[in-house]
PDB file of N, CA and C in Angstrom:
ATOM      1  N   MET A   1      15.729 -45.306  40.831  1.00  0.00           N
ATOM      2  CA  MET A   1      15.240 -45.938  39.622  1.00  0.00           C
ATOM      3  C   MET A   1      14.107 -45.128  39.002  1.00  0.00           C
ATOM      4  N   ILE A   2      13.177 -44.647  39.811  1.00  0.00           N
ATOM      5  CA  ILE A   2      12.054 -43.858  39.280  1.00  0.00           C
ATOM      6  C   ILE A   2      12.571 -42.584  38.634  1.00  0.00           C
ATOM      7  N   LEU A   3      13.558 -41.950  39.267  1.00  0.00           N
ATOM      8  CA  LEU A   3      14.119 -40.719  38.707  1.00  0.00           C
ATOM      9  C   LEU A   3      14.755 -40.997  37.342  1.00  0.00           C
ATOM     10  N   LYS A   4      15.468 -42.124  37.203  1.00  0.00           N
ATOM     11  CA  LYS A   4      16.066 -42.472  35.916  1.00  0.00           C
ATOM     12  C   LYS A   4      14.986 -42.653  34.856  1.00  0.00           C
ATOM     13  N   LEU A   5      13.895 -43.335  35.198  1.00  0.00           N
ATOM     14  CA  LEU A   5      12.809 -43.532  34.242  1.00  0.00           C
ATOM     15  C   LEU A   5      12.183 -42.207  33.857  1.00  0.00           C
ATOM     16  N   LEU A   6      11.981 -41.334  34.833  1.00  0.00           N
ATOM     17  CA  LEU A   6      11.399 -40.021  34.556  1.00  0.00           C
ATOM     18  C   LEU A   6      12.300 -39.229  33.623  1.00  0.00           C
ATOM     19  N   ASN A   7      13.606 -39.239  33.885  1.00  0.00           N
ATOM     20  CA  ASN A   7      14.539 -38.519  33.014  1.00  0.00           C
ATOM     21  C   ASN A   7      14.520 -39.096  31.605  1.00  0.00           C
ATOM     22  N   TYR A   8      14.456 -40.423  31.500  1.00  0.00           N
ATOM     23  CA  TYR A   8      14.409 -41.064  30.191  1.00  0.00           C
ATOM     24  C   TYR A   8      13.139 -40.651  29.448  1.00  0.00           C
ATOM     25  N   THR A   9      12.010 -40.628  30.155  1.00  0.00           N
ATOM     26  CA  THR A   9      10.746 -40.232  29.541  1.00  0.00           C
ATOM     27  C   THR A   9      10.822 -38.783  29.085  1.00  0.00           C
ATOM     28  N   LEU A  10      11.413 -37.920  29.879  1.00  0.00           N
ATOM     29  CA  LEU A  10      11.532 -36.517  29.493  1.00  0.00           C
ATOM     30  C   LEU A  10      12.432 -36.355  28.277  1.00  0.00           C
ATOM     31  N   GLU A  11      13.464 -37.210  28.165  1.00  0.00           N
ATOM     32  CA  GLU A  11      14.323 -37.150  26.984  1.00  0.00           C
ATOM     33  C   GLU A  11      13.548 -37.517  25.732  1.00  0.00           C
ATOM     34  N   LEU A  12      12.645 -38.478  25.845  1.00  0.00           N
ATOM     35  CA  LEU A  12      11.872 -38.904  24.676  1.00  0.00           C
ATOM     36  C   LEU A  12      10.830 -37.872  24.290  1.00  0.00           C
ATOM     37  N   TYR A  13      10.325 -37.134  25.268  1.00  0.00           N
ATOM     38  CA  TYR A  13       9.271 -36.161  24.999  1.00  0.00           C
ATOM     39  C   TYR A  13       9.874 -34.871  24.461  1.00  0.00           C
ATOM     40  N   ASP A  14       9.320 -34.365  23.393  1.00  0.00           N
ATOM     41  CA  ASP A  14       9.769 -33.123  22.784  1.00  0.00           C
ATOM     42  C   ASP A  14       8.523 -32.254  22.629  1.00  0.00           C
ATOM     43  N   ALA A  15       8.429 -31.179  23.375  1.00  0.00           N
ATOM     44  CA  ALA A  15       7.213 -30.361  23.401  1.00  0.00           C
ATOM     45  C   ALA A  15       6.837 -29.831  22.013  1.00  0.00           C
ATOM     46  N   GLN A  16       7.817 -29.520  21.184  1.00  0.00           N
ATOM     47  CA  GLN A  16       7.503 -28.981  19.852  1.00  0.00           C
ATOM     48  C   GLN A  16       7.050 -30.065  18.886  1.00  0.00           C
ATOM     49  N   ASN A  17       7.687 -31.221  18.925  1.00  0.00           N
ATOM     50  CA  ASN A  17       7.399 -32.268  17.949  1.00  0.00           C
ATOM     51  C   ASN A  17       6.631 -33.444  18.538  1.00  0.00           C
ATOM     52  N   ALA A  18       6.171 -33.319  19.748  1.00  0.00           N
ATOM     53  CA  ALA A  18       5.396 -34.331  20.473  1.00  0.00           C
ATOM     54  C   ALA A  18       6.278 -35.451  21.004  1.00  0.00           C
ATOM     55  N   PHE A  19       7.045 -36.112  20.166  1.00  0.00           N
ATOM     56  CA  PHE A  19       7.915 -37.187  20.643  1.00  0.00           C
ATOM     57  C   PHE A  19       9.255 -37.136  19.927  1.00  0.00           C
ATOM     58  N   HIS A  20      10.247 -37.585  20.621  1.00  0.00           N
ATOM     59  CA  HIS A  20      11.579 -37.659  20.050  1.00  0.00           C
ATOM     60  C   HIS A  20      11.546 -38.652  18.876  1.00  0.00           C
ATOM     61  N   PRO A  21      12.233 -38.351  17.784  1.00  0.00           N
ATOM     62  CA  PRO A  21      12.206 -39.240  16.610  1.00  0.00           C
ATOM     63  C   PRO A  21      12.621 -40.673  16.921  1.00  0.00           C
ATOM     64  N   PHE A  22      13.553 -40.870  17.857  1.00  0.00           N
ATOM     65  CA  PHE A  22      13.981 -42.227  18.185  1.00  0.00           C
ATOM     66  C   PHE A  22      12.856 -43.028  18.835  1.00  0.00           C
ATOM     67  N   ALA A  23      11.991 -42.357  19.606  1.00  0.00           N
ATOM     68  CA  ALA A  23      10.860 -43.057  20.223  1.00  0.00           C
ATOM     69  C   ALA A  23       9.910 -43.547  19.139  1.00  0.00           C
ATOM     70  N   PHE A  24       9.664 -42.730  18.152  1.00  0.00           N
ATOM     71  CA  PHE A  24       8.782 -43.111  17.049  1.00  0.00           C
ATOM     72  C   PHE A  24       9.420 -44.220  16.214  1.00  0.00           C
ATOM     73  N   ALA A  25      10.714 -44.111  15.960  1.00  0.00           N
ATOM     74  CA  ALA A  25      11.421 -45.120  15.172  1.00  0.00           C
ATOM     75  C   ALA A  25      11.373 -46.481  15.852  1.00  0.00           C
ATOM     76  N   ALA A  26      11.448 -46.502  17.175  1.00  0.00           N
ATOM     77  CA  ALA A  26      11.381 -47.774  17.901  1.00  0.00           C
ATOM     78  C   ALA A  26      10.024 -48.436  17.678  1.00  0.00           C
ATOM     79  N   LYS A  27       8.960 -47.656  17.665  1.00  0.00           N
ATOM     80  CA  LYS A  27       7.639 -48.217  17.415  1.00  0.00           C
ATOM     81  C   LYS A  27       7.550 -48.755  15.991  1.00  0.00           C
ATOM     82  N   LEU A  28       8.165 -48.073  15.051  1.00  0.00           N
ATOM     83  CA  LEU A  28       8.098 -48.514  13.663  1.00  0.00           C
ATOM     84  C   LEU A  28       8.769 -49.861  13.462  1.00  0.00           C
ATOM     85  N   GLN A  29       9.749 -50.176  14.287  1.00  0.00           N
ATOM     86  CA  GLN A  29      10.466 -51.437  14.146  1.00  0.00           C
ATOM     87  C   GLN A  29       9.720 -52.597  14.798  1.00  0.00           C
ATOM     88  N   SER A  30       8.671 -52.324  15.551  1.00  0.00           N
ATOM     89  CA  SER A  30       7.919 -53.360  16.242  1.00  0.00           C
ATOM     90  C   SER A  30       6.921 -54.015  15.291  1.00  0.00           C
ATOM     91  N   LYS A  31       6.765 -55.335  15.399  1.00  0.00           N
ATOM     92  CA  LYS A  31       5.790 -56.044  14.576  1.00  0.00           C
ATOM     93  C   LYS A  31       4.361 -55.740  15.021  1.00  0.00           C
ATOM     94  N   ASP A  32       4.210 -55.123  16.190  1.00  0.00           N
ATOM     95  CA  ASP A  32       2.879 -54.765  16.677  1.00  0.00           C
ATOM     96  C   ASP A  32       2.390 -53.442  16.087  1.00  0.00           C
ATOM     97  N   PHE A  33       3.230 -52.754  15.330  1.00  0.00           N
ATOM     98  CA  PHE A  33       2.862 -51.484  14.701  1.00  0.00           C
ATOM     99  C   PHE A  33       3.148 -51.564  13.196  1.00  0.00           C
ATOM    100  N   PRO A  34       2.365 -52.364  12.473  1.00  0.00           N
ATOM    101  CA  PRO A  34       2.647 -52.517  11.034  1.00  0.00           C
ATOM    102  C   PRO A  34       2.254 -51.267  10.243  1.00  0.00           C
ATOM    103  N   THR A  35       2.916 -51.083   9.135  1.00  0.00           N
ATOM    104  CA  THR A  35       2.528 -50.021   8.210  1.00  0.00           C
ATOM    105  C   THR A  35       1.496 -50.599   7.242  1.00  0.00           C
ATOM    106  N   TYR A  36       0.874 -49.741   6.478  1.00  0.00           N
ATOM    107  CA  TYR A  36      -0.092 -50.200   5.478  1.00  0.00           C
ATOM    108  C   TYR A  36       0.584 -51.149   4.485  1.00  0.00           C
ATOM    109  N   HIS A  37       1.815 -50.836   4.105  1.00  0.00           N
ATOM    110  CA  HIS A  37       2.544 -51.691   3.162  1.00  0.00           C
ATOM    111  C   HIS A  37       2.872 -53.044   3.787  1.00  0.00           C
ATOM    112  N   ASP A  38       3.161 -53.062   5.100  1.00  0.00           N
ATOM    113  CA  ASP A  38       3.378 -54.339   5.786  1.00  0.00           C
ATOM    114  C   ASP A  38       2.121 -55.199   5.697  1.00  0.00           C
ATOM    115  N   ILE A  39       0.976 -54.570   5.881  1.00  0.00           N
ATOM    116  CA  ILE A  39      -0.296 -55.297   5.835  1.00  0.00           C
ATOM    117  C   ILE A  39      -0.529 -55.888   4.448  1.00  0.00           C
ATOM    118  N   LEU A  40      -0.213 -55.134   3.418  1.00  0.00           N
ATOM    119  CA  LEU A  40      -0.408 -55.627   2.056  1.00  0.00           C
ATOM    120  C   LEU A  40       0.481 -56.827   1.744  1.00  0.00           C
ATOM    121  N   ARG A  41       1.602 -56.964   2.466  1.00  0.00           N
ATOM    122  CA  ARG A  41       2.520 -58.086   2.249  1.00  0.00           C
ATOM    123  C   ARG A  41       2.211 -59.292   3.140  1.00  0.00           C
ATOM    124  N   MET A  42       1.213 -59.169   4.031  1.00  0.00           N
ATOM    125  CA  MET A  42       0.874 -60.277   4.936  1.00  0.00           C
ATOM    126  C   MET A  42       0.177 -61.397   4.180  1.00  0.00           C
ATOM    127  N   ASP A  43       0.072 -62.553   4.850  1.00  0.00           N
ATOM    128  CA  ASP A  43      -0.654 -63.654   4.220  1.00  0.00           C
ATOM    129  C   ASP A  43      -2.113 -63.230   4.052  1.00  0.00           C
ATOM    130  N   PRO A  44      -2.820 -63.784   3.074  1.00  0.00           N
ATOM    131  CA  PRO A  44      -4.172 -63.316   2.726  1.00  0.00           C
ATOM    132  C   PRO A  44      -5.168 -63.295   3.883  1.00  0.00           C
ATOM    133  N   LEU A  45      -5.126 -64.276   4.784  1.00  0.00           N
ATOM    134  CA  LEU A  45      -6.087 -64.304   5.888  1.00  0.00           C
ATOM    135  C   LEU A  45      -5.860 -63.157   6.869  1.00  0.00           C
ATOM    136  N   GLU A  46      -4.593 -62.934   7.241  1.00  0.00           N
ATOM    137  CA  GLU A  46      -4.298 -61.846   8.175  1.00  0.00           C
ATOM    138  C   GLU A  46      -4.549 -60.489   7.515  1.00  0.00           C
ATOM    139  N   ARG A  47      -4.150 -60.360   6.247  1.00  0.00           N
ATOM    140  CA  ARG A  47      -4.385 -59.112   5.511  1.00  0.00           C
ATOM    141  C   ARG A  47      -5.874 -58.790   5.464  1.00  0.00           C
ATOM    142  N   ALA A  48      -6.715 -59.790   5.218  1.00  0.00           N
ATOM    143  CA  ALA A  48      -8.165 -59.576   5.152  1.00  0.00           C
ATOM    144  C   ALA A  48      -8.711 -59.056   6.476  1.00  0.00           C
ATOM    145  N   LYS A  49      -8.178 -59.558   7.595  1.00  0.00           N
ATOM    146  CA  LYS A  49      -8.634 -59.089   8.917  1.00  0.00           C
ATOM    147  C   LYS A  49      -8.294 -57.612   9.117  1.00  0.00           C
ATOM    148  N   TRP A  50      -7.063 -57.227   8.754  1.00  0.00           N
ATOM    149  CA  TRP A  50      -6.656 -55.828   8.897  1.00  0.00           C
ATOM    150  C   TRP A  50      -7.513 -54.923   8.015  1.00  0.00           C
ATOM    151  N   LEU A  51      -7.688 -55.309   6.751  1.00  0.00           N
ATOM    152  CA  LEU A  51      -8.458 -54.474   5.827  1.00  0.00           C
ATOM    153  C   LEU A  51      -9.920 -54.372   6.256  1.00  0.00           C
ATOM    154  N   GLU A  52     -10.466 -55.452   6.792  1.00  0.00           N
ATOM    155  CA  GLU A  52     -11.838 -55.424   7.300  1.00  0.00           C
ATOM    156  C   GLU A  52     -11.950 -54.460   8.489  1.00  0.00           C
ATOM    157  N   ALA A  53     -10.972 -54.498   9.379  1.00  0.00           N
ATOM    158  CA  ALA A  53     -10.973 -53.587  10.533  1.00  0.00           C
ATOM    159  C   ALA A  53     -10.858 -52.128  10.079  1.00  0.00           C
ATOM    160  N   MET A  54     -10.041 -51.888   9.038  1.00  0.00           N
ATOM    161  CA  MET A  54      -9.892 -50.522   8.521  1.00  0.00           C
ATOM    162  C   MET A  54     -11.200 -50.052   7.889  1.00  0.00           C
ATOM    163  N   ASP A  55     -11.857 -50.930   7.131  1.00  0.00           N
ATOM    164  CA  ASP A  55     -13.157 -50.581   6.535  1.00  0.00           C
ATOM    165  C   ASP A  55     -14.179 -50.250   7.617  1.00  0.00           C
ATOM    166  N   LYS A  56     -14.194 -51.043   8.688  1.00  0.00           N
ATOM    167  CA  LYS A  56     -15.133 -50.816   9.784  1.00  0.00           C
ATOM    168  C   LYS A  56     -14.856 -49.462  10.446  1.00  0.00           C
ATOM    169  N   GLU A  57     -13.583 -49.157  10.649  1.00  0.00           N
ATOM    170  CA  GLU A  57     -13.216 -47.882  11.272  1.00  0.00           C
ATOM    171  C   GLU A  57     -13.680 -46.697  10.420  1.00  0.00           C
ATOM    172  N   ILE A  58     -13.432 -46.763   9.123  1.00  0.00           N
ATOM    173  CA  ILE A  58     -13.870 -45.690   8.223  1.00  0.00           C
ATOM    174  C   ILE A  58     -15.390 -45.561   8.255  1.00  0.00           C
ATOM    175  N   GLN A  59     -16.088 -46.698   8.200  1.00  0.00           N
ATOM    176  CA  GLN A  59     -17.553 -46.658   8.210  1.00  0.00           C
ATOM    177  C   GLN A  59     -18.083 -46.063   9.520  1.00  0.00           C
ATOM    178  N   ASP A  60     -17.446 -46.408  10.654  1.00  0.00           N
ATOM    179  CA  ASP A  60     -17.852 -45.832  11.939  1.00  0.00           C
ATOM    180  C   ASP A  60     -17.676 -44.314  11.941  1.00  0.00           C
ATOM    181  N   LEU A  61     -16.583 -43.833  11.375  1.00  0.00           N
ATOM    182  CA  LEU A  61     -16.352 -42.386  11.313  1.00  0.00           C
ATOM    183  C   LEU A  61     -17.378 -41.699  10.415  1.00  0.00           C
ATOM    184  N   ILE A  62     -17.715 -42.338   9.302  1.00  0.00           N
ATOM    185  CA  ILE A  62     -18.729 -41.785   8.398  1.00  0.00           C
ATOM    186  C   ILE A  62     -20.087 -41.763   9.086  1.00  0.00           C
ATOM    187  N   ASP A  63     -20.447 -42.864   9.768  1.00  0.00           N
ATOM    188  CA  ASP A  63     -21.724 -42.943  10.462  1.00  0.00           C
ATOM    189  C   ASP A  63     -21.859 -41.869  11.549  1.00  0.00           C
ATOM    190  N   ARG A  64     -20.735 -41.529  12.194  1.00  0.00           N
ATOM    191  CA  ARG A  64     -20.764 -40.500  13.241  1.00  0.00           C
ATOM    192  C   ARG A  64     -20.603 -39.087  12.670  1.00  0.00           C
ATOM    193  N   LYS A  65     -20.556 -39.016  11.328  1.00  0.00           N
ATOM    194  CA  LYS A  65     -20.435 -37.739  10.616  1.00  0.00           C
ATOM    195  C   LYS A  65     -19.210 -36.934  11.069  1.00  0.00           C
ATOM    196  N   CYS A  66     -18.091 -37.644  11.202  1.00  0.00           N
ATOM    197  CA  CYS A  66     -16.838 -36.995  11.594  1.00  0.00           C
ATOM    198  C   CYS A  66     -16.231 -36.205  10.439  1.00  0.00           C
ATOM    199  N   PHE A  67     -16.594 -36.577   9.228  1.00  0.00           N
ATOM    200  CA  PHE A  67     -16.081 -35.868   8.061  1.00  0.00           C
ATOM    201  C   PHE A  67     -17.006 -36.135   6.885  1.00  0.00           C
ATOM    202  N   ASP A  68     -16.829 -35.340   5.859  1.00  0.00           N
ATOM    203  CA  ASP A  68     -17.541 -35.553   4.607  1.00  0.00           C
ATOM    204  C   ASP A  68     -16.530 -36.009   3.573  1.00  0.00           C
ATOM    205  N   LEU A  69     -16.840 -37.071   2.895  1.00  0.00           N
ATOM    206  CA  LEU A  69     -15.973 -37.588   1.848  1.00  0.00           C
ATOM    207  C   LEU A  69     -16.293 -36.834   0.556  1.00  0.00           C
ATOM    208  N   VAL A  70     -15.306 -36.099   0.041  1.00  0.00           N
ATOM    209  CA  VAL A  70     -15.504 -35.306  -1.173  1.00  0.00           C
ATOM    210  C   VAL A  70     -14.348 -35.571  -2.134  1.00  0.00           C
ATOM    211  N   PRO A  71     -14.566 -35.353  -3.419  1.00  0.00           N
ATOM    212  CA  PRO A  71     -13.449 -35.491  -4.371  1.00  0.00           C
ATOM    213  C   PRO A  71     -12.344 -34.499  -4.010  1.00  0.00           C
ATOM    214  N   ARG A  72     -11.106 -34.918  -4.101  1.00  0.00           N
ATOM    215  CA  ARG A  72      -9.960 -34.068  -3.739  1.00  0.00           C
ATOM    216  C   ARG A  72      -9.973 -32.748  -4.513  1.00  0.00           C
ATOM    217  N   SER A  73     -10.460 -32.771  -5.737  1.00  0.00           N
ATOM    218  CA  SER A  73     -10.445 -31.560  -6.565  1.00  0.00           C
ATOM    219  C   SER A  73     -11.402 -30.477  -6.031  1.00  0.00           C
ATOM    220  N   GLU A  74     -12.443 -30.877  -5.299  1.00  0.00           N
ATOM    221  CA  GLU A  74     -13.438 -29.911  -4.826  1.00  0.00           C
ATOM    222  C   GLU A  74     -12.856 -28.864  -3.873  1.00  0.00           C
ATOM    223  N   PRO A  75     -12.213 -29.240  -2.764  1.00  0.00           N
ATOM    224  CA  PRO A  75     -11.662 -28.204  -1.887  1.00  0.00           C
ATOM    225  C   PRO A  75     -10.478 -27.468  -2.518  1.00  0.00           C
ATOM    226  N   ILE A  76      -9.674 -28.175  -3.296  1.00  0.00           N
ATOM    227  CA  ILE A  76      -8.519 -27.532  -3.932  1.00  0.00           C
ATOM    228  C   ILE A  76      -9.006 -26.465  -4.915  1.00  0.00           C
ATOM    229  N   GLY A  77     -10.084 -26.763  -5.643  1.00  0.00           N
ATOM    230  CA  GLY A  77     -10.657 -25.794  -6.581  1.00  0.00           C
ATOM    231  C   GLY A  77     -11.167 -24.539  -5.892  1.00  0.00           C
ATOM    232  N   LYS A  78     -11.567 -24.663  -4.618  1.00  0.00           N
ATOM    233  CA  LYS A  78     -12.056 -23.514  -3.849  1.00  0.00           C
ATOM    234  C   LYS A  78     -10.938 -22.817  -3.085  1.00  0.00           C
ATOM    235  N   GLY A  79      -9.705 -23.290  -3.268  1.00  0.00           N
ATOM    236  CA  GLY A  79      -8.578 -22.698  -2.556  1.00  0.00           C
ATOM    237  C   GLY A  79      -8.472 -23.180  -1.112  1.00  0.00           C
ATOM    238  N   GLU A  80      -9.186 -24.256  -0.777  1.00  0.00           N
ATOM    239  CA  GLU A  80      -9.140 -24.810   0.576  1.00  0.00           C
ATOM    240  C   GLU A  80      -8.075 -25.897   0.650  1.00  0.00           C
ATOM    241  N   GLN A  81      -7.730 -26.266   1.868  1.00  0.00           N
ATOM    242  CA  GLN A  81      -6.716 -27.294   2.063  1.00  0.00           C
ATOM    243  C   GLN A  81      -7.365 -28.634   2.367  1.00  0.00           C
ATOM    244  N   VAL A  82      -6.719 -29.684   1.919  1.00  0.00           N
ATOM    245  CA  VAL A  82      -7.128 -31.043   2.256  1.00  0.00           C
ATOM    246  C   VAL A  82      -6.361 -31.437   3.512  1.00  0.00           C
ATOM    247  N   ILE A  83      -7.057 -31.939   4.511  1.00  0.00           N
ATOM    248  CA  ILE A  83      -6.406 -32.349   5.755  1.00  0.00           C
ATOM    249  C   ILE A  83      -5.773 -33.712   5.541  1.00  0.00           C
ATOM    250  N   LYS A  84      -4.481 -33.773   5.762  1.00  0.00           N
ATOM    251  CA  LYS A  84      -3.767 -35.038   5.608  1.00  0.00           C
ATOM    252  C   LYS A  84      -4.018 -35.900   6.835  1.00  0.00           C
ATOM    253  N   SER A  85      -4.015 -37.184   6.618  1.00  0.00           N
ATOM    254  CA  SER A  85      -4.192 -38.113   7.728  1.00  0.00           C
ATOM    255  C   SER A  85      -3.365 -39.360   7.465  1.00  0.00           C
ATOM    256  N   MET A  86      -3.279 -40.199   8.470  1.00  0.00           N
ATOM    257  CA  MET A  86      -2.560 -41.448   8.310  1.00  0.00           C
ATOM    258  C   MET A  86      -3.159 -42.486   9.243  1.00  0.00           C
ATOM    259  N   TRP A  87      -2.957 -43.731   8.911  1.00  0.00           N
ATOM    260  CA  TRP A  87      -3.407 -44.815   9.768  1.00  0.00           C
ATOM    261  C   TRP A  87      -2.389 -45.013  10.878  1.00  0.00           C
ATOM    262  N   ALA A  88      -2.871 -45.143  12.097  1.00  0.00           N
ATOM    263  CA  ALA A  88      -2.037 -45.523  13.234  1.00  0.00           C
ATOM    264  C   ALA A  88      -2.466 -46.941  13.596  1.00  0.00           C
ATOM    265  N   LEU A  89      -1.758 -47.903  13.063  1.00  0.00           N
ATOM    266  CA  LEU A  89      -2.145 -49.307  13.193  1.00  0.00           C
ATOM    267  C   LEU A  89      -1.397 -49.956  14.354  1.00  0.00           C
ATOM    268  N   ARG A  90      -2.100 -50.826  15.067  1.00  0.00           N
ATOM    269  CA  ARG A  90      -1.469 -51.515  16.183  1.00  0.00           C
ATOM    270  C   ARG A  90      -2.108 -52.884  16.372  1.00  0.00           C
ATOM    271  N   ARG A  91      -1.271 -53.870  16.538  1.00  0.00           N
ATOM    272  CA  ARG A  91      -1.743 -55.218  16.843  1.00  0.00           C
ATOM    273  C   ARG A  91      -1.989 -55.260  18.351  1.00  0.00           C
ATOM    274  N   LYS A  92      -3.204 -55.607  18.733  1.00  0.00           N
ATOM    275  CA  LYS A  92      -3.559 -55.624  20.149  1.00  0.00           C
ATOM    276  C   LYS A  92      -3.295 -57.002  20.737  1.00  0.00           C
ATOM    277  N   ARG A  93      -2.808 -56.998  21.972  1.00  0.00           N
ATOM    278  CA  ARG A  93      -2.461 -58.237  22.645  1.00  0.00           C
ATOM    279  C   ARG A  93      -3.177 -58.361  23.979  1.00  0.00           C
ATOM    280  N   LYS A  94      -3.421 -59.609  24.368  1.00  0.00           N
ATOM    281  CA  LYS A  94      -3.977 -59.906  25.686  1.00  0.00           C
ATOM    282  C   LYS A  94      -2.853 -59.777  26.713  1.00  0.00           C
ATOM    283  N   PRO A  95      -3.183 -59.720  28.012  1.00  0.00           N
ATOM    284  CA  PRO A  95      -2.131 -59.607  29.037  1.00  0.00           C
ATOM    285  C   PRO A  95      -1.064 -60.705  28.962  1.00  0.00           C
ATOM    286  N   ASN A  96      -1.421 -61.890  28.451  1.00  0.00           N
ATOM    287  CA  ASN A  96      -0.438 -62.973  28.359  1.00  0.00           C
ATOM    288  C   ASN A  96       0.421 -62.876  27.089  1.00  0.00           C
ATOM    289  N   GLY A  97       0.207 -61.831  26.262  1.00  0.00           N
ATOM    290  CA  GLY A  97       1.017 -61.632  25.056  1.00  0.00           C
ATOM    291  C   GLY A  97       0.391 -62.210  23.796  1.00  0.00           C
ATOM    292  N   GLU A  98      -0.667 -62.980  23.947  1.00  0.00           N
ATOM    293  CA  GLU A  98      -1.357 -63.566  22.791  1.00  0.00           C
ATOM    294  C   GLU A  98      -2.081 -62.473  22.013  1.00  0.00           C
ATOM    295  N   ILE A  99      -2.076 -62.568  20.699  1.00  0.00           N
ATOM    296  CA  ILE A  99      -2.770 -61.586  19.863  1.00  0.00           C
ATOM    297  C   ILE A  99      -4.266 -61.739  20.053  1.00  0.00           C
ATOM    298  N   SER A 100      -4.936 -60.622  20.321  1.00  0.00           N
ATOM    299  CA  SER A 100      -6.394 -60.693  20.523  1.00  0.00           C
ATOM    300  C   SER A 100      -7.130 -60.389  19.239  1.00  0.00           C
TER     301      SER A 100
END
């Protein structure tokens, strides 16, 4: 059984692309991994909690000076690249499955 699990894990892992596309697609179908657009379609109370958490995360990164917020035109005008990023959102659960 352990060998089967190990082989399955190795199939999902792709050294060049980090993970097999099917592994990522499975996460996308889970309600515990909403997209930003999913959050915008949630009921107002739940949406407010997600947006508040996102604001807090951005503020924490700014406070730790992880990046400088600049107008997009500034680095492009200097011939520099803008680093793309994305939100990796996840609904956290307690061991009993209840949303924390």
